PDB file of N, CA and C in Angstrom:
ATOM      1  N   MET A   1      66.868  22.752  -2.627  1.00  0.00           N
ATOM      2  CA  MET A   1      66.239  21.727  -1.653  1.00  0.00           C
ATOM      3  C   MET A   1      66.788  20.362  -2.762  1.00  0.00           C
ATOM      4  N   ASN A   2      67.329  19.295  -1.959  1.00  0.00           N
ATOM      5  CA  ASN A   2      67.486  18.320  -2.625  1.00  0.00           C
ATOM      6  C   ASN A   2      65.990  17.299  -2.986  1.00  0.00           C
ATOM      7  N   GLU A   3      66.131  16.909  -4.327  1.00  0.00           N
ATOM      8  CA  GLU A   3      65.144  16.315  -4.740  1.00  0.00           C
ATOM      9  C   GLU A   3      65.384  14.802  -4.733  1.00  0.00           C
ATOM     10  N   GLY A   4      64.299  13.988  -4.676  1.00  0.00           N
ATOM     11  CA  GLY A   4      64.347  12.503  -4.461  1.00  0.00           C
ATOM     12  C   GLY A   4      64.862  12.087  -6.276  1.00  0.00           C
ATOM     13  N   GLU A   5      65.432  10.810  -6.164  1.00  0.00           N
ATOM     14  CA  GLU A   5      65.995  10.317  -7.667  1.00  0.00           C
ATOM     15  C   GLU A   5      64.872   9.732  -8.272  1.00  0.00           C
ATOM     16  N   TYR A   6      64.852   9.652  -9.714  1.00  0.00           N
ATOM     17  CA  TYR A   6      64.022   8.867 -10.302  1.00  0.00           C
ATOM     18  C   TYR A   6      64.284   7.574 -10.322  1.00  0.00           C
ATOM     19  N   ARG A   7      63.117   6.556 -10.047  1.00  0.00           N
ATOM     20  CA  ARG A   7      63.299   5.294 -10.104  1.00  0.00           C
ATOM     21  C   ARG A   7      62.451   4.664 -11.138  1.00  0.00           C
ATOM     22  N   GLY A   8      62.563   4.494 -12.066  1.00  0.00           N
ATOM     23  CA  GLY A   8      61.532   4.094 -13.115  1.00  0.00           C
ATOM     24  C   GLY A   8      60.282   4.939 -13.153  1.00  0.00           C
ATOM     25  N   THR A   9      59.351   4.622 -13.168  1.00  0.00           N
ATOM     26  CA  THR A   9      58.017   5.688 -13.085  1.00  0.00           C
ATOM     27  C   THR A   9      58.069   6.494 -11.905  1.00  0.00           C
ATOM     28  N   PHE A  10      58.560   6.181 -10.816  1.00  0.00           N
ATOM     29  CA  PHE A  10      58.468   6.816  -9.622  1.00  0.00           C
ATOM     30  C   PHE A  10      59.761   7.683  -9.200  1.00  0.00           C
ATOM     31  N   ARG A  11      59.446   8.594  -8.371  1.00  0.00           N
ATOM     32  CA  ARG A  11      60.587   9.460  -7.790  1.00  0.00           C
ATOM     33  C   ARG A  11      60.508   9.408  -6.514  1.00  0.00           C
ATOM     34  N   THR A  12      61.814   9.002  -5.853  1.00  0.00           N
ATOM     35  CA  THR A  12      61.892   8.989  -4.347  1.00  0.00           C
ATOM     36  C   THR A  12      61.883  10.357  -3.825  1.00  0.00           C
ATOM     37  N   VAL A  13      61.260  10.264  -2.609  1.00  0.00           N
ATOM     38  CA  VAL A  13      61.399  11.514  -1.627  1.00  0.00           C
ATOM     39  C   VAL A  13      62.510  11.696  -0.722  1.00  0.00           C
ATOM     40  N   SER A  14      63.451  12.712  -0.786  1.00  0.00           N
ATOM     41  CA  SER A  14      64.574  12.874  -0.240  1.00  0.00           C
ATOM     42  C   SER A  14      64.289  13.225   1.491  1.00  0.00           C
ATOM     43  N   ASP A  15      65.252  12.920   2.057  1.00  0.00           N
ATOM     44  CA  ASP A  15      65.092  13.221   3.724  1.00  0.00           C
ATOM     45  C   ASP A  15      64.399  14.835   3.662  1.00  0.00           C
ATOM     46  N   LYS A  16      65.390  15.758   3.070  1.00  0.00           N
ATOM     47  CA  LYS A  16      64.753  17.339   3.034  1.00  0.00           C
ATOM     48  C   LYS A  16      63.361  17.188   2.679  1.00  0.00           C
ATOM     49  N   GLU A  17      63.000  16.719   1.520  1.00  0.00           N
ATOM     50  CA  GLU A  17      61.517  17.087   1.097  1.00  0.00           C
ATOM     51  C   GLU A  17      60.806  16.566   2.298  1.00  0.00           C
ATOM     52  N   HIS A  18      60.919  14.981   2.620  1.00  0.00           N
ATOM     53  CA  HIS A  18      60.102  14.583   3.776  1.00  0.00           C
ATOM     54  C   HIS A  18      59.911  15.480   4.988  1.00  0.00           C
ATOM     55  N   ALA A  19      60.989  16.150   5.483  1.00  0.00           N
ATOM     56  CA  ALA A  19      61.072  16.881   6.540  1.00  0.00           C
ATOM     57  C   ALA A  19      60.324  18.138   6.213  1.00  0.00           C
ATOM     58  N   GLU A  20      60.394  18.759   5.119  1.00  0.00           N
ATOM     59  CA  GLU A  20      59.599  20.034   4.652  1.00  0.00           C
ATOM     60  C   GLU A  20      58.118  19.642   4.571  1.00  0.00           C
ATOM     61  N   MET A  21      58.115  18.713   3.987  1.00  0.00           N
ATOM     62  CA  MET A  21      56.328  18.143   3.790  1.00  0.00           C
ATOM     63  C   MET A  21      55.991  18.080   5.189  1.00  0.00           C
ATOM     64  N   ILE A  22      56.441  17.541   6.234  1.00  0.00           N
ATOM     65  CA  ILE A  22      55.880  17.501   7.776  1.00  0.00           C
ATOM     66  C   ILE A  22      55.858  18.973   8.105  1.00  0.00           C
ATOM     67  N   ARG A  23      56.977  19.709   7.959  1.00  0.00           N
ATOM     68  CA  ARG A  23      56.899  21.205   8.724  1.00  0.00           C
ATOM     69  C   ARG A  23      55.794  21.862   7.907  1.00  0.00           C
ATOM     70  N   LEU A  24      55.602  21.856   6.690  1.00  0.00           N
ATOM     71  CA  LEU A  24      54.647  22.693   5.925  1.00  0.00           C
ATOM     72  C   LEU A  24      53.145  22.133   6.635  1.00  0.00           C
ATOM     73  N   TYR A  25      53.028  20.900   6.798  1.00  0.00           N
ATOM     74  CA  TYR A  25      51.773  20.212   7.471  1.00  0.00           C
ATOM     75  C   TYR A  25      51.526  20.948   9.091  1.00  0.00           C
ATOM     76  N   ILE A  26      52.466  20.718   9.610  1.00  0.00           N
ATOM     77  CA  ILE A  26      52.548  20.890  11.097  1.00  0.00           C
ATOM     78  C   ILE A  26      52.622  22.505  11.758  1.00  0.00           C
ATOM     79  N   GLU A  27      53.551  23.474  10.736  1.00  0.00           N
ATOM     80  CA  GLU A  27      53.712  24.611  11.102  1.00  0.00           C
ATOM     81  C   GLU A  27      53.037  25.561  10.425  1.00  0.00           C
ATOM     82  N   GLU A  28      52.921  25.286   8.989  1.00  0.00           N
ATOM     83  CA  GLU A  28      51.924  26.173   7.970  1.00  0.00           C
ATOM     84  C   GLU A  28      50.566  25.925   8.050  1.00  0.00           C
ATOM     85  N   GLY A  29      50.180  24.521   8.397  1.00  0.00           N
ATOM     86  CA  GLY A  29      48.871  24.103   8.113  1.00  0.00           C
ATOM     87  C   GLY A  29      48.365  24.003   6.821  1.00  0.00           C
ATOM     88  N   LEU A  30      49.116  23.561   5.955  1.00  0.00           N
ATOM     89  CA  LEU A  30      48.810  23.555   4.668  1.00  0.00           C
ATOM     90  C   LEU A  30      48.216  22.135   4.486  1.00  0.00           C
ATOM     91  N   SER A  31      47.075  21.993   3.530  1.00  0.00           N
ATOM     92  CA  SER A  31      46.578  20.610   2.908  1.00  0.00           C
ATOM     93  C   SER A  31      47.712  19.637   2.290  1.00  0.00           C
ATOM     94  N   TYR A  32      47.442  18.480   2.163  1.00  0.00           N
ATOM     95  CA  TYR A  32      47.998  17.590   1.612  1.00  0.00           C
ATOM     96  C   TYR A  32      48.315  18.154   0.047  1.00  0.00           C
ATOM     97  N   GLU A  33      46.845  18.588  -0.613  1.00  0.00           N
ATOM     98  CA  GLU A  33      47.121  19.023  -1.976  1.00  0.00           C
ATOM     99  C   GLU A  33      47.860  20.314  -2.091  1.00  0.00           C
ATOM    100  N   LYS A  34      47.829  21.021  -1.132  1.00  0.00           N
ATOM    101  CA  LYS A  34      48.900  22.165  -1.032  1.00  0.00           C
ATOM    102  C   LYS A  34      50.321  21.978  -1.114  1.00  0.00           C
ATOM    103  N   ILE A  35      50.718  21.019  -0.402  1.00  0.00           N
ATOM    104  CA  ILE A  35      51.926  20.527  -0.117  1.00  0.00           C
ATOM    105  C   ILE A  35      52.419  19.655  -1.330  1.00  0.00           C
ATOM    106  N   ALA A  36      51.517  18.898  -1.747  1.00  0.00           N
ATOM    107  CA  ALA A  36      51.794  17.957  -3.160  1.00  0.00           C
ATOM    108  C   ALA A  36      52.368  19.150  -4.089  1.00  0.00           C
ATOM    109  N   GLU A  37      51.258  20.155  -4.556  1.00  0.00           N
ATOM    110  CA  GLU A  37      51.606  21.262  -5.674  1.00  0.00           C
ATOM    111  C   GLU A  37      52.920  21.720  -5.226  1.00  0.00           C
ATOM    112  N   GLN A  38      53.563  21.801  -4.252  1.00  0.00           N
ATOM    113  CA  GLN A  38      54.691  22.687  -4.069  1.00  0.00           C
ATOM    114  C   GLN A  38      56.011  21.781  -4.667  1.00  0.00           C
ATOM    115  N   PHE A  39      55.709  20.350  -4.276  1.00  0.00           N
ATOM    116  CA  PHE A  39      56.749  19.443  -4.387  1.00  0.00           C
ATOM    117  C   PHE A  39      56.470  18.753  -6.054  1.00  0.00           C
ATOM    118  N   ASN A  40      55.526  19.149  -6.716  1.00  0.00           N
ATOM    119  CA  ASN A  40      54.994  18.873  -7.839  1.00  0.00           C
ATOM    120  C   ASN A  40      54.912  17.054  -7.796  1.00  0.00           C
ATOM    121  N   ARG A  41      54.234  16.527  -6.781  1.00  0.00           N
ATOM    122  CA  ARG A  41      53.473  15.055  -6.539  1.00  0.00           C
ATOM    123  C   ARG A  41      52.406  15.097  -6.525  1.00  0.00           C
ATOM    124  N   SER A  42      51.633  13.513  -6.086  1.00  0.00           N
ATOM    125  CA  SER A  42      50.559  13.232  -5.960  1.00  0.00           C
ATOM    126  C   SER A  42      50.109  13.686  -4.694  1.00  0.00           C
ATOM    127  N   SER A  43      48.761  13.950  -4.457  1.00  0.00           N
ATOM    128  CA  SER A  43      48.429  14.482  -3.083  1.00  0.00           C
ATOM    129  C   SER A  43      48.434  13.244  -1.877  1.00  0.00           C
ATOM    130  N   ARG A  44      48.727  12.030  -2.393  1.00  0.00           N
ATOM    131  CA  ARG A  44      48.903  11.021  -1.775  1.00  0.00           C
ATOM    132  C   ARG A  44      50.192  10.700  -1.281  1.00  0.00           C
ATOM    133  N   THR A  45      51.151  11.655  -1.783  1.00  0.00           N
ATOM    134  CA  THR A  45      52.725  11.560  -1.358  1.00  0.00           C
ATOM    135  C   THR A  45      52.926  12.099   0.055  1.00  0.00           C
ATOM    136  N   PRO A  46      52.074  13.288   0.437  1.00  0.00           N
ATOM    137  CA  PRO A  46      52.394  13.847   1.686  1.00  0.00           C
ATOM    138  C   PRO A  46      51.818  13.142   2.722  1.00  0.00           C
ATOM    139  N   LEU A  47      50.439  12.737   2.308  1.00  0.00           N
ATOM    140  CA  LEU A  47      49.711  11.542   3.498  1.00  0.00           C
ATOM    141  C   LEU A  47      50.494  10.554   3.849  1.00  0.00           C
ATOM    142  N   LEU A  48      50.982   9.717   2.760  1.00  0.00           N
ATOM    143  CA  LEU A  48      51.894   8.731   3.198  1.00  0.00           C
ATOM    144  C   LEU A  48      53.138   9.072   3.772  1.00  0.00           C
ATOM    145  N   HIS A  49      53.838  10.165   3.594  1.00  0.00           N
ATOM    146  CA  HIS A  49      55.034  10.611   4.603  1.00  0.00           C
ATOM    147  C   HIS A  49      54.665  11.254   5.955  1.00  0.00           C
ATOM    148  N   LEU A  50      53.414  11.618   5.956  1.00  0.00           N
ATOM    149  CA  LEU A  50      52.753  11.965   7.451  1.00  0.00           C
ATOM    150  C   LEU A  50      52.600  10.661   8.226  1.00  0.00           C
ATOM    151  N   GLN A  51      52.025   9.621   7.333  1.00  0.00           N
ATOM    152  CA  GLN A  51      51.715   8.360   8.466  1.00  0.00           C
ATOM    153  C   GLN A  51      53.413   7.832   8.605  1.00  0.00           C
ATOM    154  N   LYS A  52      54.221   7.658   7.685  1.00  0.00           N
ATOM    155  CA  LYS A  52      55.558   7.075   7.850  1.00  0.00           C
ATOM    156  C   LYS A  52      56.126   7.896   9.490  1.00  0.00           C
ATOM    157  N   HIS A  53      56.053   9.411   8.978  1.00  0.00           N
ATOM    158  CA  HIS A  53      56.554  10.171  10.200  1.00  0.00           C
ATOM    159  C   HIS A  53      55.877   9.892  11.372  1.00  0.00           C
ATOM    160  N   ASN A  54      54.712   9.537  11.596  1.00  0.00           N
ATOM    161  CA  ASN A  54      54.006   9.279  13.062  1.00  0.00           C
ATOM    162  C   ASN A  54      54.477   7.836  13.387  1.00  0.00           C
ATOM    163  N   GLN A  55      54.271   7.162  12.242  1.00  0.00           N
ATOM    164  CA  GLN A  55      54.662   5.527  12.872  1.00  0.00           C
ATOM    165  C   GLN A  55      56.207   5.249  13.327  1.00  0.00           C
ATOM    166  N   ALA A  56      57.127   6.206  12.736  1.00  0.00           N
ATOM    167  CA  ALA A  56      58.368   6.032  13.368  1.00  0.00           C
ATOM    168  C   ALA A  56      58.435   6.542  14.620  1.00  0.00           C
ATOM    169  N   ILE A  57      57.770   7.631  14.855  1.00  0.00           N
ATOM    170  CA  ILE A  57      57.625   8.215  16.005  1.00  0.00           C
ATOM    171  C   ILE A  57      57.089   7.241  17.155  1.00  0.00           C
ATOM    172  N   LEU A  58      55.954   6.524  16.758  1.00  0.00           N
ATOM    173  CA  LEU A  58      55.522   5.583  17.887  1.00  0.00           C
ATOM    174  C   LEU A  58      56.246   4.550  17.848  1.00  0.00           C
ATOM    175  N   LYS A  59      57.006   3.947  17.151  1.00  0.00           N
ATOM    176  CA  LYS A  59      57.830   3.133  17.309  1.00  0.00           C
ATOM    177  C   LYS A  59      59.342   3.408  17.920  1.00  0.00           C
ATOM    178  N   SER A  60      59.674   4.293  17.479  1.00  0.00           N
ATOM    179  CA  SER A  60      61.121   4.615  17.961  1.00  0.00           C
ATOM    180  C   SER A  60      61.370   5.853  18.787  1.00  0.00           C
ATOM    181  N   GLY A  61      60.449   6.554  18.987  1.00  0.00           N
ATOM    182  CA  GLY A  61      60.434   8.020  19.564  1.00  0.00           C
ATOM    183  C   GLY A  61      60.951   8.886  18.698  1.00  0.00           C
ATOM    184  N   PHE A  62      61.281   8.945  17.597  1.00  0.00           N
ATOM    185  CA  PHE A  62      61.819   9.895  16.621  1.00  0.00           C
ATOM    186  C   PHE A  62      61.603   9.361  15.281  1.00  0.00           C
ATOM    187  N   CYS A  63      61.574  10.239  14.232  1.00  0.00           N
ATOM    188  CA  CYS A  63      61.606  10.181  12.983  1.00  0.00           C
ATOM    189  C   CYS A  63      63.011  10.114  12.394  1.00  0.00           C
ATOM    190  N   PRO A  64      63.460   9.115  11.795  1.00  0.00           N
ATOM    191  CA  PRO A  64      64.956   8.997  11.138  1.00  0.00           C
ATOM    192  C   PRO A  64      65.411   9.878  10.038  1.00  0.00           C
ATOM    193  N   ASN A  65      64.054  10.193   9.264  1.00  0.00           N
ATOM    194  CA  ASN A  65      64.190  11.111   8.223  1.00  0.00           C
ATOM    195  C   ASN A  65      64.480  12.416   8.689  1.00  0.00           C
ATOM    196  N   TYR A  66      64.020  12.915   9.640  1.00  0.00           N
ATOM    197  CA  TYR A  66      63.833  14.042  10.391  1.00  0.00           C
ATOM    198  C   TYR A  66      65.269  14.343  11.184  1.00  0.00           C
ATOM    199  N   ARG A  67      65.716  13.039  11.593  1.00  0.00           N
ATOM    200  CA  ARG A  67      66.675  13.115  12.396  1.00  0.00           C
ATOM    201  C   ARG A  67      68.039  13.560  11.454  1.00  0.00           C
ATOM    202  N   ARG A  68      67.974  12.955  10.472  1.00  0.00           N
ATOM    203  CA  ARG A  68      69.305  13.096   9.376  1.00  0.00           C
ATOM    204  C   ARG A  68      69.509  14.271   8.709  1.00  0.00           C
ATOM    205  N   VAL A  69      68.258  15.109   8.931  1.00  0.00           N
ATOM    206  CA  VAL A  69      68.288  16.555   8.466  1.00  0.00           C
ATOM    207  C   VAL A  69      68.546  17.415   9.654  1.00  0.00           C
ATOM    208  N   LYS A  70      68.660  16.772  10.836  1.00  0.00           N
ATOM    209  CA  LYS A  70      68.828  17.702  11.945  1.00  0.00           C
ATOM    210  C   LYS A  70      67.527  18.665  12.074  1.00  0.00           C
ATOM    211  N   SER A  71      66.452  18.480  12.263  1.00  0.00           N
ATOM    212  CA  SER A  71      65.415  19.396  12.311  1.00  0.00           C
ATOM    213  C   SER A  71      64.828  19.272  13.769  1.00  0.00           C
ATOM    214  N   ASN A  72      64.138  20.110  13.941  1.00  0.00           N
ATOM    215  CA  ASN A  72      63.579  20.137  15.640  1.00  0.00           C
ATOM    216  C   ASN A  72      61.841  19.453  15.637  1.00  0.00           C
ATOM    217  N   LEU A  73      61.425  18.912  14.338  1.00  0.00           N
ATOM    218  CA  LEU A  73      60.382  18.020  14.779  1.00  0.00           C
ATOM    219  C   LEU A  73      60.354  16.692  14.487  1.00  0.00           C
ATOM    220  N   GLU A  74      61.617  16.197  14.829  1.00  0.00           N
ATOM    221  CA  GLU A  74      61.901  14.806  14.723  1.00  0.00           C
ATOM    222  C   GLU A  74      60.963  13.895  15.658  1.00  0.00           C
ATOM    223  N   SER A  75      60.458  14.449  16.851  1.00  0.00           N
ATOM    224  CA  SER A  75      59.640  13.404  17.671  1.00  0.00           C
ATOM    225  C   SER A  75      58.236  14.156  17.878  1.00  0.00           C
ATOM    226  N   VAL A  76      57.803  15.049  17.011  1.00  0.00           N
ATOM    227  CA  VAL A  76      56.455  15.819  17.302  1.00  0.00           C
ATOM    228  C   VAL A  76      55.574  15.028  16.120  1.00  0.00           C
ATOM    229  N   LEU A  77      54.643  14.198  16.822  1.00  0.00           N
ATOM    230  CA  LEU A  77      53.437  13.649  15.926  1.00  0.00           C
ATOM    231  C   LEU A  77      52.484  14.921  15.133  1.00  0.00           C
ATOM    232  N   THR A  78      52.028  14.374  13.955  1.00  0.00           N
ATOM    233  CA  THR A  78      51.148  15.160  13.495  1.00  0.00           C
ATOM    234  C   THR A  78      49.683  14.765  13.765  1.00  0.00           C
ATOM    235  N   GLN A  79      48.774  15.653  13.843  1.00  0.00           N
ATOM    236  CA  GLN A  79      47.634  15.483  14.349  1.00  0.00           C
ATOM    237  C   GLN A  79      46.725  14.267  13.303  1.00  0.00           C
ATOM    238  N   LYS A  80      47.152  14.285  11.991  1.00  0.00           N
ATOM    239  CA  LYS A  80      46.541  13.592  11.138  1.00  0.00           C
ATOM    240  C   LYS A  80      47.565  12.492  10.753  1.00  0.00           C
ATOM    241  N   GLY A  81      47.364  11.442   9.651  1.00  0.00           N
ATOM    242  CA  GLY A  81      48.145  10.871   9.022  1.00  0.00           C
ATOM    243  C   GLY A  81      48.448   9.455   9.429  1.00  0.00           C
TER     244      GLY A  81
END
Protein backbone atom coordinates (compact mmCIF):
# COMPACT_ATOMS: atom_id res chain seq x y z
CA MET A 1 0.00 0.00 0.00
CA ASN A 2 1.29 3.45 -0.85
CA GLU A 3 1.83 5.48 2.26
CA GLY A 4 1.45 9.19 2.64
CA GLU A 5 4.55 11.32 2.61
CA TYR A 6 6.09 12.94 5.65
CA ARG A 7 5.61 16.68 5.88
CA GLY A 8 7.39 17.87 8.99
CA THR A 9 5.58 16.51 12.02
CA PHE A 10 2.64 15.22 10.00
CA ARG A 11 2.28 12.46 7.43
CA THR A 12 -0.21 12.88 4.61
CA VAL A 13 -2.77 10.19 3.83
CA SER A 14 -2.52 8.77 0.31
CA ASP A 15 -5.59 8.14 -1.84
CA LYS A 16 -5.11 4.38 -1.35
CA GLU A 17 -4.96 4.78 2.42
CA HIS A 18 -8.04 7.03 2.37
CA ALA A 19 -9.95 4.47 0.30
CA GLU A 20 -8.88 1.59 2.53
CA MET A 21 -9.93 3.49 5.69
CA ILE A 22 -13.40 4.03 4.21
CA ARG A 23 -13.62 0.40 3.05
CA LEU A 24 -12.62 -0.96 6.44
CA TYR A 25 -15.24 1.20 8.12
CA ILE A 26 -18.08 0.44 5.67
CA GLU A 27 -17.42 -3.18 4.73
CA GLU A 28 -15.58 -4.55 7.76
CA GLY A 29 -17.34 -2.44 10.40
CA LEU A 30 -14.07 -1.56 12.13
CA SER A 31 -13.93 1.28 14.66
CA TYR A 32 -11.83 4.41 14.19
CA GLU A 33 -9.38 3.04 16.73
CA LYS A 34 -8.94 -0.31 14.94
CA ILE A 35 -8.48 1.42 11.58
CA ALA A 36 -5.96 3.84 13.11
CA GLU A 37 -3.97 0.92 14.56
CA GLN A 38 -3.68 -0.70 11.12
CA PHE A 39 -2.25 2.51 9.63
CA ASN A 40 -0.20 3.55 12.67
CA ARG A 41 -2.17 6.80 12.92
CA SER A 42 -4.11 8.66 15.56
CA SER A 43 -7.74 7.57 16.00
CA ARG A 44 -8.78 11.02 14.78
CA THR A 45 -7.32 10.43 11.30
CA PRO A 46 -9.95 7.88 10.16
CA LEU A 47 -12.70 10.09 11.58
CA LEU A 48 -11.46 13.09 9.60
CA HIS A 49 -11.28 11.03 6.42
CA LEU A 50 -14.78 9.63 6.90
CA GLN A 51 -16.01 13.21 7.26
CA LYS A 52 -14.03 14.32 4.20
CA HIS A 53 -15.45 11.39 2.21
CA ASN A 54 -19.05 12.23 3.15
CA GLN A 55 -18.62 15.96 2.52
CA ALA A 56 -17.21 15.31 -0.96
CA ILE A 57 -20.13 13.01 -1.82
CA LEU A 58 -22.70 15.53 -0.57
CA LYS A 59 -21.04 18.30 -2.57
CA SER A 60 -20.10 16.51 -5.82
CA GLY A 61 -21.84 13.14 -5.75
CA PHE A 62 -18.55 11.24 -5.42
CA CYS A 63 -15.30 11.18 -3.44
CA PRO A 64 -12.34 12.24 -5.65
CA ASN A 65 -9.86 10.28 -3.49
CA TYR A 66 -11.88 7.14 -4.10
CA ARG A 67 -12.34 7.88 -7.80
CA ARG A 68 -8.57 8.24 -8.30
CA VAL A 69 -8.02 4.69 -7.02
CA LYS A 70 -10.99 3.43 -9.08
CA SER A 71 -12.86 1.88 -6.19
CA ASN A 72 -16.53 1.02 -5.94
CA LEU A 73 -17.40 3.07 -2.83
CA GLU A 74 -16.79 6.49 -4.39
CA SER A 75 -20.43 7.54 -3.96
CA VAL A 76 -21.37 5.60 -0.81
CA LEU A 77 -21.94 7.69 2.31
CA THR A 78 -20.75 6.31 5.64
CA GLN A 79 -23.33 6.23 8.41
CA LYS A 80 -21.14 8.28 10.71
CA GLY A 81 -18.46 10.81 10.08
